[in-house]
Amino acid sequence: MAKGDDWIGQGANLLLFGPPEVGKSHLVCAIGNGLIDRGYRVCFTRTSDLVQRLQVARREMRLAAEIARLDRFDLLILDDLSYVRRDQAETSVLFELIAERYERKSLALTANQPFSGWAGQDN
């Protein structure tokens, strides 16, 4: 994937689902490093850390600026998406980020279970 970089130029996304400790984060980091070697800008962050940062930005009325700052990255890697609490405030800022990047800039997401497994689960 790192050598075939057409997907980055098209704003395509990468979703990695699987049980803990199977190497999702390791794999997505390797892809990110390969893209960096090819001149792309890549940011890796734990999803929970990013959501907290976006929530602070919203409270301080600078959410749009924070999302714009993240837009400079060709690939934004959000690790451990399933550990976000999924309350309305958290999902709202995460949705705004995803909506802003949709079909323009790429996201790579890792999670321990697919979205279909989130129904009825509390963290």
PDB file of N, CA and C in Angstrom:
ATOM      1  N   MET A   1       0.820  -1.197   0.000  1.00  0.00           N
ATOM      2  CA  MET A   1       0.000   0.000   0.000  1.00  0.00           C
ATOM      3  C   MET A   1       0.858   1.253   0.000  1.00  0.00           C
ATOM      4  N   ALA A   2       1.960   1.230   0.718  1.00  0.00           N
ATOM      5  CA  ALA A   2       2.794   2.420   0.787  1.00  0.00           C
ATOM      6  C   ALA A   2       3.413   2.735  -0.566  1.00  0.00           C
ATOM      7  N   LYS A   3       3.701   1.709  -1.367  1.00  0.00           N
ATOM      8  CA  LYS A   3       4.277   1.945  -2.686  1.00  0.00           C
ATOM      9  C   LYS A   3       3.222   2.351  -3.697  1.00  0.00           C
ATOM     10  N   GLY A   4       2.041   1.810  -3.590  1.00  0.00           N
ATOM     11  CA  GLY A   4       0.936   2.199  -4.461  1.00  0.00           C
ATOM     12  C   GLY A   4       0.149   3.294  -3.772  1.00  0.00           C
ATOM     13  N   ASP A   5       0.511   4.537  -4.015  1.00  0.00           N
ATOM     14  CA  ASP A   5      -0.035   5.645  -3.240  1.00  0.00           C
ATOM     15  C   ASP A   5      -1.195   6.369  -3.920  1.00  0.00           C
ATOM     16  N   ASP A   6      -1.788   5.782  -4.949  1.00  0.00           N
ATOM     17  CA  ASP A   6      -2.927   6.429  -5.614  1.00  0.00           C
ATOM     18  C   ASP A   6      -4.076   6.680  -4.647  1.00  0.00           C
ATOM     19  N   TRP A   7      -4.267   5.791  -3.694  1.00  0.00           N
ATOM     20  CA  TRP A   7      -5.374   5.921  -2.746  1.00  0.00           C
ATOM     21  C   TRP A   7      -5.252   7.190  -1.910  1.00  0.00           C
ATOM     22  N   ILE A   8      -4.036   7.610  -1.614  1.00  0.00           N
ATOM     23  CA  ILE A   8      -3.837   8.848  -0.840  1.00  0.00           C
ATOM     24  C   ILE A   8      -4.281  10.045  -1.669  1.00  0.00           C
ATOM     25  N   GLY A   9      -3.907  10.094  -2.913  1.00  0.00           N
ATOM     26  CA  GLY A   9      -4.293  11.200  -3.785  1.00  0.00           C
ATOM     27  C   GLY A   9      -5.793  11.296  -4.008  1.00  0.00           C
ATOM     28  N   GLN A  10      -6.494  10.184  -3.860  1.00  0.00           N
ATOM     29  CA  GLN A  10      -7.945  10.159  -4.052  1.00  0.00           C
ATOM     30  C   GLN A  10      -8.717  10.393  -2.759  1.00  0.00           C
ATOM     31  N   GLY A  11      -8.014  10.565  -1.645  1.00  0.00           N
ATOM     32  CA  GLY A  11      -8.686  10.760  -0.367  1.00  0.00           C
ATOM     33  C   GLY A  11      -9.370   9.509   0.149  1.00  0.00           C
ATOM     34  N   ALA A  12      -8.892   8.342  -0.275  1.00  0.00           N
ATOM     35  CA  ALA A  12      -9.479   7.080   0.192  1.00  0.00           C
ATOM     36  C   ALA A  12      -9.043   6.804   1.631  1.00  0.00           C
ATOM     37  N   ASN A  13      -9.782   5.953   2.292  1.00  0.00           N
ATOM     38  CA  ASN A  13      -9.525   5.647   3.691  1.00  0.00           C
ATOM     39  C   ASN A  13      -9.143   4.189   3.873  1.00  0.00           C
ATOM     40  N   LEU A  14      -8.510   3.915   5.001  1.00  0.00           N
ATOM     41  CA  LEU A  14      -8.069   2.576   5.345  1.00  0.00           C
ATOM     42  C   LEU A  14      -8.647   2.234   6.716  1.00  0.00           C
ATOM     43  N   LEU A  15      -9.369   1.130   6.803  1.00  0.00           N
ATOM     44  CA  LEU A  15      -9.978   0.685   8.055  1.00  0.00           C
ATOM     45  C   LEU A  15      -9.395  -0.668   8.432  1.00  0.00           C
ATOM     46  N   LEU A  16      -8.833  -0.762   9.628  1.00  0.00           N
ATOM     47  CA  LEU A  16      -8.243  -2.009  10.106  1.00  0.00           C
ATOM     48  C   LEU A  16      -8.971  -2.445  11.372  1.00  0.00           C
ATOM     49  N   PHE A  17      -9.680  -3.568  11.298  1.00  0.00           N
ATOM     50  CA  PHE A  17     -10.420  -4.110  12.432  1.00  0.00           C
ATOM     51  C   PHE A  17      -9.842  -5.463  12.808  1.00  0.00           C
ATOM     52  N   GLY A  18      -9.820  -5.757  14.089  1.00  0.00           N
ATOM     53  CA  GLY A  18      -9.368  -7.062  14.548  1.00  0.00           C
ATOM     54  C   GLY A  18      -9.203  -7.071  16.047  1.00  0.00           C
ATOM     55  N   PRO A  19      -9.038  -8.244  16.617  1.00  0.00           N
ATOM     56  CA  PRO A  19      -8.884  -8.337  18.070  1.00  0.00           C
ATOM     57  C   PRO A  19      -7.588  -7.661  18.526  1.00  0.00           C
ATOM     58  N   PRO A  20      -7.482  -7.373  19.827  1.00  0.00           N
ATOM     59  CA  PRO A  20      -6.261  -6.757  20.346  1.00  0.00           C
ATOM     60  C   PRO A  20      -5.025  -7.615  20.071  1.00  0.00           C
ATOM     61  N   GLU A  21      -3.905  -6.922  19.900  1.00  0.00           N
ATOM     62  CA  GLU A  21      -2.589  -7.566  19.802  1.00  0.00           C
ATOM     63  C   GLU A  21      -2.374  -8.400  18.551  1.00  0.00           C
ATOM     64  N   VAL A  22      -3.044  -8.059  17.446  1.00  0.00           N
ATOM     65  CA  VAL A  22      -2.785  -8.793  16.202  1.00  0.00           C
ATOM     66  C   VAL A  22      -1.903  -8.006  15.240  1.00  0.00           C
ATOM     67  N   GLY A  23      -1.573  -6.743  15.571  1.00  0.00           N
ATOM     68  CA  GLY A  23      -0.650  -5.971  14.749  1.00  0.00           C
ATOM     69  C   GLY A  23      -1.269  -4.879  13.902  1.00  0.00           C
ATOM     70  N   LYS A  24      -2.487  -4.471  14.195  1.00  0.00           N
ATOM     71  CA  LYS A  24      -3.143  -3.407  13.408  1.00  0.00           C
ATOM     72  C   LYS A  24      -2.346  -2.106  13.468  1.00  0.00           C
ATOM     73  N   SER A  25      -1.954  -1.715  14.673  1.00  0.00           N
ATOM     74  CA  SER A  25      -1.205  -0.465  14.841  1.00  0.00           C
ATOM     75  C   SER A  25       0.160  -0.563  14.169  1.00  0.00           C
ATOM     76  N   HIS A  26       0.807  -1.700  14.332  1.00  0.00           N
ATOM     77  CA  HIS A  26       2.115  -1.913  13.711  1.00  0.00           C
ATOM     78  C   HIS A  26       2.015  -1.810  12.188  1.00  0.00           C
ATOM     79  N   LEU A  27       1.009  -2.438  11.622  1.00  0.00           N
ATOM     80  CA  LEU A  27       0.818  -2.409  10.175  1.00  0.00           C
ATOM     81  C   LEU A  27       0.544  -0.995   9.669  1.00  0.00           C
ATOM     82  N   VAL A  28      -0.349  -0.280  10.340  1.00  0.00           N
ATOM     83  CA  VAL A  28      -0.688   1.058   9.871  1.00  0.00           C
ATOM     84  C   VAL A  28       0.502   2.011  10.046  1.00  0.00           C
ATOM     85  N   CYS A  29       1.324   1.797  11.073  1.00  0.00           N
ATOM     86  CA  CYS A  29       2.542   2.602  11.228  1.00  0.00           C
ATOM     87  C   CYS A  29       3.533   2.317  10.100  1.00  0.00           C
ATOM     88  N   ALA A  30       3.658   1.062   9.716  1.00  0.00           N
ATOM     89  CA  ALA A  30       4.550   0.710   8.607  1.00  0.00           C
ATOM     90  C   ALA A  30       4.080   1.366   7.311  1.00  0.00           C
ATOM     91  N   ILE A  31       2.783   1.370   7.081  1.00  0.00           N
ATOM     92  CA  ILE A  31       2.236   2.040   5.898  1.00  0.00           C
ATOM     93  C   ILE A  31       2.526   3.536   5.980  1.00  0.00           C
ATOM     94  N   GLY A  32       2.291   4.120   7.143  1.00  0.00           N
ATOM     95  CA  GLY A  32       2.568   5.546   7.333  1.00  0.00           C
ATOM     96  C   GLY A  32       4.029   5.881   7.101  1.00  0.00           C
ATOM     97  N   ASN A  33       4.935   5.066   7.637  1.00  0.00           N
ATOM     98  CA  ASN A  33       6.363   5.305   7.435  1.00  0.00           C
ATOM     99  C   ASN A  33       6.750   5.185   5.970  1.00  0.00           C
ATOM    100  N   GLY A  34       6.166   4.219   5.271  1.00  0.00           N
ATOM    101  CA  GLY A  34       6.431   4.093   3.840  1.00  0.00           C
ATOM    102  C   GLY A  34       5.973   5.319   3.068  1.00  0.00           C
ATOM    103  N   LEU A  35       4.838   5.862   3.461  1.00  0.00           N
ATOM    104  CA  LEU A  35       4.340   7.075   2.803  1.00  0.00           C
ATOM    105  C   LEU A  35       5.205   8.285   3.128  1.00  0.00           C
ATOM    106  N   ILE A  36       5.686   8.373   4.369  1.00  0.00           N
ATOM    107  CA  ILE A  36       6.603   9.461   4.733  1.00  0.00           C
ATOM    108  C   ILE A  36       7.853   9.384   3.868  1.00  0.00           C
ATOM    109  N   ASP A  37       8.376   8.171   3.674  1.00  0.00           N
ATOM    110  CA  ASP A  37       9.553   7.980   2.822  1.00  0.00           C
ATOM    111  C   ASP A  37       9.299   8.461   1.396  1.00  0.00           C
ATOM    112  N   ARG A  38       8.042   8.455   0.970  1.00  0.00           N
ATOM    113  CA  ARG A  38       7.691   8.898  -0.383  1.00  0.00           C
ATOM    114  C   ARG A  38       7.315  10.380  -0.420  1.00  0.00           C
ATOM    115  N   GLY A  39       7.459  11.080   0.711  1.00  0.00           N
ATOM    116  CA  GLY A  39       7.235  12.518   0.734  1.00  0.00           C
ATOM    117  C   GLY A  39       5.873  12.972   1.229  1.00  0.00           C
ATOM    118  N   TYR A  40       5.063  12.040   1.710  1.00  0.00           N
ATOM    119  CA  TYR A  40       3.741  12.412   2.221  1.00  0.00           C
ATOM    120  C   TYR A  40       3.841  12.848   3.680  1.00  0.00           C
ATOM    121  N   ARG A  41       2.888  13.675   4.081  1.00  0.00           N
ATOM    122  CA  ARG A  41       2.796  14.102   5.482  1.00  0.00           C
ATOM    123  C   ARG A  41       1.790  13.199   6.188  1.00  0.00           C
ATOM    124  N   VAL A  42       2.252  12.567   7.260  1.00  0.00           N
ATOM    125  CA  VAL A  42       1.448  11.585   7.991  1.00  0.00           C
ATOM    126  C   VAL A  42       1.462  11.941   9.476  1.00  0.00           C
ATOM    127  N   CYS A  43       0.304  11.844  10.108  1.00  0.00           N
ATOM    128  CA  CYS A  43       0.182  12.067  11.548  1.00  0.00           C
ATOM    129  C   CYS A  43      -0.450  10.833  12.180  1.00  0.00           C
ATOM    130  N   PHE A  44       0.203  10.291  13.210  1.00  0.00           N
ATOM    131  CA  PHE A  44      -0.319   9.163  13.974  1.00  0.00           C
ATOM    132  C   PHE A  44      -0.732   9.668  15.343  1.00  0.00           C
ATOM    133  N   THR A  45      -1.943   9.341  15.773  1.00  0.00           N
ATOM    134  CA  THR A  45      -2.405   9.731  17.103  1.00  0.00           C
ATOM    135  C   THR A  45      -3.393   8.705  17.633  1.00  0.00           C
ATOM    136  N   ARG A  46      -3.412   8.557  18.946  1.00  0.00           N
ATOM    137  CA  ARG A  46      -4.471   7.747  19.543  1.00  0.00           C
ATOM    138  C   ARG A  46      -5.770   8.526  19.394  1.00  0.00           C
ATOM    139  N   THR A  47      -6.815   7.857  19.029  1.00  0.00           N
ATOM    140  CA  THR A  47      -8.099   8.522  18.800  1.00  0.00           C
ATOM    141  C   THR A  47      -8.575   9.241  20.052  1.00  0.00           C
ATOM    142  N   SER A  48      -8.428   8.630  21.202  1.00  0.00           N
ATOM    143  CA  SER A  48      -8.889   9.264  22.441  1.00  0.00           C
ATOM    144  C   SER A  48      -8.150  10.571  22.706  1.00  0.00           C
ATOM    145  N   ASP A  49      -6.846  10.625  22.419  1.00  0.00           N
ATOM    146  CA  ASP A  49      -6.085  11.869  22.596  1.00  0.00           C
ATOM    147  C   ASP A  49      -6.571  12.951  21.644  1.00  0.00           C
ATOM    148  N   LEU A  50      -6.809  12.566  20.396  1.00  0.00           N
ATOM    149  CA  LEU A  50      -7.267  13.546  19.414  1.00  0.00           C
ATOM    150  C   LEU A  50      -8.652  14.070  19.765  1.00  0.00           C
ATOM    151  N   VAL A  51      -9.538  13.197  20.183  1.00  0.00           N
ATOM    152  CA  VAL A  51     -10.891  13.623  20.550  1.00  0.00           C
ATOM    153  C   VAL A  51     -10.836  14.612  21.710  1.00  0.00           C
ATOM    154  N   GLN A  52      -9.990  14.347  22.696  1.00  0.00           N
ATOM    155  CA  GLN A  52      -9.849  15.291  23.811  1.00  0.00           C
ATOM    156  C   GLN A  52      -9.352  16.641  23.319  1.00  0.00           C
ATOM    157  N   ARG A  53      -8.377  16.621  22.419  1.00  0.00           N
ATOM    158  CA  ARG A  53      -7.845  17.876  21.868  1.00  0.00           C
ATOM    159  C   ARG A  53      -8.915  18.632  21.091  1.00  0.00           C
ATOM    160  N   LEU A  54      -9.718  17.915  20.321  1.00  0.00           N
ATOM    161  CA  LEU A  54     -10.783  18.566  19.557  1.00  0.00           C
ATOM    162  C   LEU A  54     -11.877  19.110  20.472  1.00  0.00           C
ATOM    163  N   GLN A  55     -12.160  18.417  21.563  1.00  0.00           N
ATOM    164  CA  GLN A  55     -13.166  18.917  22.502  1.00  0.00           C
ATOM    165  C   GLN A  55     -12.695  20.207  23.177  1.00  0.00           C
ATOM    166  N   VAL A  56     -11.434  20.275  23.544  1.00  0.00           N
ATOM    167  CA  VAL A  56     -10.877  21.511  24.110  1.00  0.00           C
ATOM    168  C   VAL A  56     -10.969  22.631  23.081  1.00  0.00           C
ATOM    169  N   ALA A  57     -10.619  22.332  21.842  1.00  0.00           N
ATOM    170  CA  ALA A  57     -10.698  23.342  20.777  1.00  0.00           C
ATOM    171  C   ALA A  57     -12.127  23.839  20.600  1.00  0.00           C
ATOM    172  N   ARG A  58     -13.096  22.950  20.679  1.00  0.00           N
ATOM    173  CA  ARG A  58     -14.501  23.371  20.557  1.00  0.00           C
ATOM    174  C   ARG A  58     -14.877  24.311  21.703  1.00  0.00           C
ATOM    175  N   ARG A  59     -14.511  23.952  22.928  1.00  0.00           N
ATOM    176  CA  ARG A  59     -14.827  24.806  24.082  1.00  0.00           C
ATOM    177  C   ARG A  59     -14.192  26.185  23.953  1.00  0.00           C
ATOM    178  N   GLU A  60     -13.009  26.232  23.336  1.00  0.00           N
ATOM    179  CA  GLU A  60     -12.286  27.493  23.176  1.00  0.00           C
ATOM    180  C   GLU A  60     -12.617  28.185  21.851  1.00  0.00           C
ATOM    181  N   MET A  61     -13.657  27.682  21.172  1.00  0.00           N
ATOM    182  CA  MET A  61     -14.144  28.286  19.920  1.00  0.00           C
ATOM    183  C   MET A  61     -13.081  28.298  18.814  1.00  0.00           C
ATOM    184  N   ARG A  62     -12.266  27.256  18.762  1.00  0.00           N
ATOM    185  CA  ARG A  62     -11.239  27.170  17.719  1.00  0.00           C
ATOM    186  C   ARG A  62     -11.206  25.789  17.062  1.00  0.00           C
ATOM    187  N   LEU A  63     -12.364  25.126  17.033  1.00  0.00           N
ATOM    188  CA  LEU A  63     -12.441  23.793  16.437  1.00  0.00           C
ATOM    189  C   LEU A  63     -12.116  23.833  14.950  1.00  0.00           C
ATOM    190  N   ALA A  64     -12.658  24.796  14.240  1.00  0.00           N
ATOM    191  CA  ALA A  64     -12.389  24.893  12.796  1.00  0.00           C
ATOM    192  C   ALA A  64     -10.896  25.062  12.531  1.00  0.00           C
ATOM    193  N   ALA A  65     -10.227  25.861  13.343  1.00  0.00           N
ATOM    194  CA  ALA A  65      -8.785  26.070  13.167  1.00  0.00           C
ATOM    195  C   ALA A  65      -8.003  24.797  13.468  1.00  0.00           C
ATOM    196  N   GLU A  66      -8.429  24.054  14.480  1.00  0.00           N
ATOM    197  CA  GLU A  66      -7.742  22.804  14.827  1.00  0.00           C
ATOM    198  C   GLU A  66      -7.930  21.763  13.724  1.00  0.00           C
ATOM    199  N   ILE A  67      -9.119  21.670  13.183  1.00  0.00           N
ATOM    200  CA  ILE A  67      -9.365  20.745  12.076  1.00  0.00           C
ATOM    201  C   ILE A  67      -8.564  21.169  10.848  1.00  0.00           C
ATOM    202  N   ALA A  68      -8.490  22.464  10.588  1.00  0.00           N
ATOM    203  CA  ALA A  68      -7.696  22.964   9.458  1.00  0.00           C
ATOM    204  C   ALA A  68      -6.217  22.629   9.645  1.00  0.00           C
ATOM    205  N   ARG A  69      -5.729  22.695  10.871  1.00  0.00           N
ATOM    206  CA  ARG A  69      -4.332  22.351  11.147  1.00  0.00           C
ATOM    207  C   ARG A  69      -4.074  20.876  10.822  1.00  0.00           C
ATOM    208  N   LEU A  70      -5.033  20.017  11.128  1.00  0.00           N
ATOM    209  CA  LEU A  70      -4.887  18.593  10.815  1.00  0.00           C
ATOM    210  C   LEU A  70      -4.998  18.319   9.319  1.00  0.00           C
ATOM    211  N   ASP A  71      -5.581  19.244   8.593  1.00  0.00           N
ATOM    212  CA  ASP A  71      -5.779  19.069   7.154  1.00  0.00           C
ATOM    213  C   ASP A  71      -4.470  19.124   6.371  1.00  0.00           C
ATOM    214  N   ARG A  72      -3.410  19.589   6.998  1.00  0.00           N
ATOM    215  CA  ARG A  72      -2.121  19.641   6.293  1.00  0.00           C
ATOM    216  C   ARG A  72      -1.520  18.255   6.092  1.00  0.00           C
ATOM    217  N   PHE A  73      -2.063  17.253   6.812  1.00  0.00           N
ATOM    218  CA  PHE A  73      -1.547  15.891   6.690  1.00  0.00           C
ATOM    219  C   PHE A  73      -2.277  15.146   5.581  1.00  0.00           C
ATOM    220  N   ASP A  74      -1.500  14.467   4.745  1.00  0.00           N
ATOM    221  CA  ASP A  74      -2.085  13.656   3.676  1.00  0.00           C
ATOM    222  C   ASP A  74      -2.807  12.439   4.254  1.00  0.00           C
ATOM    223  N   LEU A  75      -2.267  11.889   5.335  1.00  0.00           N
ATOM    224  CA  LEU A  75      -2.870  10.741   6.011  1.00  0.00           C
ATOM    225  C   LEU A  75      -2.899  11.017   7.505  1.00  0.00           C
ATOM    226  N   LEU A  76      -4.063  10.904   8.078  1.00  0.00           N
ATOM    227  CA  LEU A  76      -4.242  11.020   9.520  1.00  0.00           C
ATOM    228  C   LEU A  76      -4.595   9.630  10.042  1.00  0.00           C
ATOM    229  N   ILE A  77      -3.728   9.078  10.887  1.00  0.00           N
ATOM    230  CA  ILE A  77      -3.933   7.744  11.440  1.00  0.00           C
ATOM    231  C   ILE A  77      -4.545   7.887  12.829  1.00  0.00           C
ATOM    232  N   LEU A  78      -5.744   7.336  12.993  1.00  0.00           N
ATOM    233  CA  LEU A  78      -6.444   7.349  14.279  1.00  0.00           C
ATOM    234  C   LEU A  78      -6.412   5.937  14.848  1.00  0.00           C
ATOM    235  N   ASP A  79      -5.615   5.748  15.876  1.00  0.00           N
ATOM    236  CA  ASP A  79      -5.411   4.428  16.458  1.00  0.00           C
ATOM    237  C   ASP A  79      -6.383   4.180  17.604  1.00  0.00           C
ATOM    238  N   ASP A  80      -6.901   2.984  17.681  1.00  0.00           N
ATOM    239  CA  ASP A  80      -7.806   2.542  18.750  1.00  0.00           C
ATOM    240  C   ASP A  80      -9.110   3.327  18.785  1.00  0.00           C
ATOM    241  N   LEU A  81      -9.769   3.398  17.666  1.00  0.00           N
ATOM    242  CA  LEU A  81     -11.050   4.102  17.577  1.00  0.00           C
ATOM    243  C   LEU A  81     -12.073   3.539  18.551  1.00  0.00           C
ATOM    244  N   SER A  82     -12.028   2.260  18.802  1.00  0.00           N
ATOM    245  CA  SER A  82     -13.044   1.649  19.663  1.00  0.00           C
ATOM    246  C   SER A  82     -12.901   2.035  21.131  1.00  0.00           C
ATOM    247  N   TYR A  83     -11.817   2.716  21.507  1.00  0.00           N
ATOM    248  CA  TYR A  83     -11.654   3.146  22.898  1.00  0.00           C
ATOM    249  C   TYR A  83     -12.229   4.523  23.169  1.00  0.00           C
ATOM    250  N   VAL A  84     -12.746   5.186  22.164  1.00  0.00           N
ATOM    251  CA  VAL A  84     -13.446   6.451  22.383  1.00  0.00           C
ATOM    252  C   VAL A  84     -14.773   6.122  23.055  1.00  0.00           C
ATOM    253  N   ARG A  85     -15.187   6.929  24.017  1.00  0.00           N
ATOM    254  CA  ARG A  85     -16.382   6.607  24.811  1.00  0.00           C
ATOM    255  C   ARG A  85     -17.677   6.669  24.016  1.00  0.00           C
ATOM    256  N   ARG A  86     -17.702   7.343  22.931  1.00  0.00           N
ATOM    257  CA  ARG A  86     -18.874   7.430  22.060  1.00  0.00           C
ATOM    258  C   ARG A  86     -20.053   8.158  22.691  1.00  0.00           C
ATOM    259  N   ASP A  87     -19.766   9.129  23.566  1.00  0.00           N
ATOM    260  CA  ASP A  87     -20.871   9.975  23.995  1.00  0.00           C
ATOM    261  C   ASP A  87     -21.071  11.048  22.924  1.00  0.00           C
ATOM    262  N   GLN A  88     -22.117  11.818  23.043  1.00  0.00           N
ATOM    263  CA  GLN A  88     -22.464  12.754  21.973  1.00  0.00           C
ATOM    264  C   GLN A  88     -21.366  13.781  21.718  1.00  0.00           C
ATOM    265  N   ALA A  89     -20.745  14.300  22.762  1.00  0.00           N
ATOM    266  CA  ALA A  89     -19.696  15.306  22.587  1.00  0.00           C
ATOM    267  C   ALA A  89     -18.501  14.727  21.837  1.00  0.00           C
ATOM    268  N   GLU A  90     -18.099  13.512  22.199  1.00  0.00           N
ATOM    269  CA  GLU A  90     -16.953  12.893  21.543  1.00  0.00           C
ATOM    270  C   GLU A  90     -17.259  12.519  20.102  1.00  0.00           C
ATOM    271  N   THR A  91     -18.397  11.914  19.877  1.00  0.00           N
ATOM    272  CA  THR A  91     -18.706  11.523  18.501  1.00  0.00           C
ATOM    273  C   THR A  91     -18.931  12.743  17.615  1.00  0.00           C
ATOM    274  N   SER A  92     -19.406  13.831  18.186  1.00  0.00           N
ATOM    275  CA  SER A  92     -19.661  15.036  17.404  1.00  0.00           C
ATOM    276  C   SER A  92     -18.371  15.621  16.833  1.00  0.00           C
ATOM    277  N   VAL A  93     -17.338  15.783  17.661  1.00  0.00           N
ATOM    278  CA  VAL A  93     -16.091  16.363  17.153  1.00  0.00           C
ATOM    279  C   VAL A  93     -15.397  15.403  16.201  1.00  0.00           C
ATOM    280  N   LEU A  94     -15.486  14.111  16.486  1.00  0.00           N
ATOM    281  CA  LEU A  94     -14.885  13.126  15.591  1.00  0.00           C
ATOM    282  C   LEU A  94     -15.596  13.122  14.245  1.00  0.00           C
ATOM    283  N   PHE A  95     -16.924  13.205  14.257  1.00  0.00           N
ATOM    284  CA  PHE A  95     -17.684  13.262  13.014  1.00  0.00           C
ATOM    285  C   PHE A  95     -17.324  14.516  12.215  1.00  0.00           C
ATOM    286  N   GLU A  96     -17.170  15.652  12.879  1.00  0.00           N
ATOM    287  CA  GLU A  96     -16.801  16.882  12.167  1.00  0.00           C
ATOM    288  C   GLU A  96     -15.460  16.729  11.468  1.00  0.00           C
ATOM    289  N   LEU A  97     -14.495  16.116  12.148  1.00  0.00           N
ATOM    290  CA  LEU A  97     -13.188  15.885  11.537  1.00  0.00           C
ATOM    291  C   LEU A  97     -13.315  14.967  10.325  1.00  0.00           C
ATOM    292  N   ILE A  98     -14.019  13.857  10.482  1.00  0.00           N
ATOM    293  CA  ILE A  98     -14.176  12.897   9.385  1.00  0.00           C
ATOM    294  C   ILE A  98     -14.921  13.532   8.217  1.00  0.00           C
ATOM    295  N   ALA A  99     -15.974  14.272   8.503  1.00  0.00           N
ATOM    296  CA  ALA A  99     -16.750  14.922   7.441  1.00  0.00           C
ATOM    297  C   ALA A  99     -15.906  15.939   6.684  1.00  0.00           C
ATOM    298  N   GLU A 100     -15.054  16.654   7.390  1.00  0.00           N
ATOM    299  CA  GLU A 100     -14.205  17.664   6.747  1.00  0.00           C
ATOM    300  C   GLU A 100     -13.191  17.016   5.805  1.00  0.00           C
ATOM    301  N   ARG A 101     -12.673  15.865   6.171  1.00  0.00           N
ATOM    302  CA  ARG A 101     -11.656  15.196   5.359  1.00  0.00           C
ATOM    303  C   ARG A 101     -12.250  14.305   4.268  1.00  0.00           C
ATOM    304  N   TYR A 102     -13.524  13.969   4.355  1.00  0.00           N
ATOM    305  CA  TYR A 102     -14.155  12.977   3.492  1.00  0.00           C
ATOM    306  C   TYR A 102     -13.907  13.249   2.010  1.00  0.00           C
ATOM    307  N   GLU A 103     -13.371  12.259   1.324  1.00  0.00           N
ATOM    308  CA  GLU A 103     -13.080  12.267  -0.111  1.00  0.00           C
ATOM    309  C   GLU A 103     -12.070  13.334  -0.519  1.00  0.00           C
ATOM    310  N   ARG A 104     -11.379  13.926   0.444  1.00  0.00           N
ATOM    311  CA  ARG A 104     -10.325  14.902   0.135  1.00  0.00           C
ATOM    312  C   ARG A 104      -8.978  14.453   0.692  1.00  0.00           C
ATOM    313  N   LYS A 105      -8.987  14.082   1.946  1.00  0.00           N
ATOM    314  CA  LYS A 105      -7.767  13.678   2.645  1.00  0.00           C
ATOM    315  C   LYS A 105      -8.014  12.318   3.290  1.00  0.00           C
ATOM    316  N   SER A 106      -7.000  11.508   3.328  1.00  0.00           N
ATOM    317  CA  SER A 106      -7.152  10.127   3.792  1.00  0.00           C
ATOM    318  C   SER A 106      -7.072   9.992   5.306  1.00  0.00           C
ATOM    319  N   LEU A 107      -7.828   9.021   5.790  1.00  0.00           N
ATOM    320  CA  LEU A 107      -7.802   8.601   7.188  1.00  0.00           C
ATOM    321  C   LEU A 107      -7.479   7.115   7.230  1.00  0.00           C
ATOM    322  N   ALA A 108      -6.747   6.710   8.244  1.00  0.00           N
ATOM    323  CA  ALA A 108      -6.565   5.290   8.538  1.00  0.00           C
ATOM    324  C   ALA A 108      -7.049   5.093   9.969  1.00  0.00           C
ATOM    325  N   LEU A 109      -7.955   4.154  10.158  1.00  0.00           N
ATOM    326  CA  LEU A 109      -8.550   3.903  11.467  1.00  0.00           C
ATOM    327  C   LEU A 109      -8.258   2.478  11.896  1.00  0.00           C
ATOM    328  N   THR A 110      -7.881   2.309  13.163  1.00  0.00           N
ATOM    329  CA  THR A 110      -7.775   0.965  13.725  1.00  0.00           C
ATOM    330  C   THR A 110      -8.803   0.835  14.841  1.00  0.00           C
ATOM    331  N   ALA A 111      -9.360  -0.350  14.983  1.00  0.00           N
ATOM    332  CA  ALA A 111     -10.336  -0.612  16.043  1.00  0.00           C
ATOM    333  C   ALA A 111     -10.341  -2.101  16.359  1.00  0.00           C
ATOM    334  N   ASN A 112     -10.690  -2.416  17.583  1.00  0.00           N
ATOM    335  CA  ASN A 112     -10.728  -3.821  18.003  1.00  0.00           C
ATOM    336  C   ASN A 112     -11.964  -4.558  17.534  1.00  0.00           C
ATOM    337  N   GLN A 113     -12.958  -3.825  17.082  1.00  0.00           N
ATOM    338  CA  GLN A 113     -14.154  -4.468  16.536  1.00  0.00           C
ATOM    339  C   GLN A 113     -14.753  -3.569  15.464  1.00  0.00           C
ATOM    340  N   PRO A 114     -15.446  -4.159  14.492  1.00  0.00           N
ATOM    341  CA  PRO A 114     -16.082  -3.345  13.449  1.00  0.00           C
ATOM    342  C   PRO A 114     -17.214  -2.517  14.036  1.00  0.00           C
ATOM    343  N   PHE A 115     -17.617  -1.501  13.292  1.00  0.00           N
ATOM    344  CA  PHE A 115     -18.678  -0.606  13.750  1.00  0.00           C
ATOM    345  C   PHE A 115     -19.948  -1.370  14.121  1.00  0.00           C
ATOM    346  N   SER A 116     -20.227  -2.455  13.419  1.00  0.00           N
ATOM    347  CA  SER A 116     -21.442  -3.225  13.707  1.00  0.00           C
ATOM    348  C   SER A 116     -21.439  -3.792  15.124  1.00  0.00           C
ATOM    349  N   GLY A 117     -20.281  -3.955  15.714  1.00  0.00           N
ATOM    350  CA  GLY A 117     -20.185  -4.487  17.064  1.00  0.00           C
ATOM    351  C   GLY A 117     -20.326  -3.449  18.154  1.00  0.00           C
ATOM    352  N   TRP A 118     -20.486  -2.180  17.775  1.00  0.00           N
ATOM    353  CA  TRP A 118     -20.564  -1.108  18.766  1.00  0.00           C
ATOM    354  C   TRP A 118     -21.941  -0.983  19.393  1.00  0.00           C
ATOM    355  N   ALA A 119     -22.957  -1.468  18.750  1.00  0.00           N
ATOM    356  CA  ALA A 119     -24.322  -1.293  19.264  1.00  0.00           C
ATOM    357  C   ALA A 119     -24.446  -1.926  20.644  1.00  0.00           C
ATOM    358  N   GLY A 120     -24.913  -1.129  21.576  1.00  0.00           N
ATOM    359  CA  GLY A 120     -25.167  -1.622  22.917  1.00  0.00           C
ATOM    360  C   GLY A 120     -23.948  -1.810  23.785  1.00  0.00           C
ATOM    361  N   GLN A 121     -22.756  -1.436  23.300  1.00  0.00           N
ATOM    362  CA  GLN A 121     -21.553  -1.589  24.103  1.00  0.00           C
ATOM    363  C   GLN A 121     -21.226  -0.273  24.778  1.00  0.00           C
ATOM    364  N   ASP A 122     -20.941  -0.306  26.051  1.00  0.00           N
ATOM    365  CA  ASP A 122     -20.503   0.875  26.791  1.00  0.00           C
ATOM    366  C   ASP A 122     -19.053   0.688  27.169  1.00  0.00           C
ATOM    367  N   ASN A 123     -18.301   1.798  27.093  1.00  0.00           N
ATOM    368  CA  ASN A 123     -16.890   1.751  27.510  1.00  0.00           C
ATOM    369  C   ASN A 123     -16.756   2.229  28.926  1.00  0.00           C
TER     370      ASN A 123
END
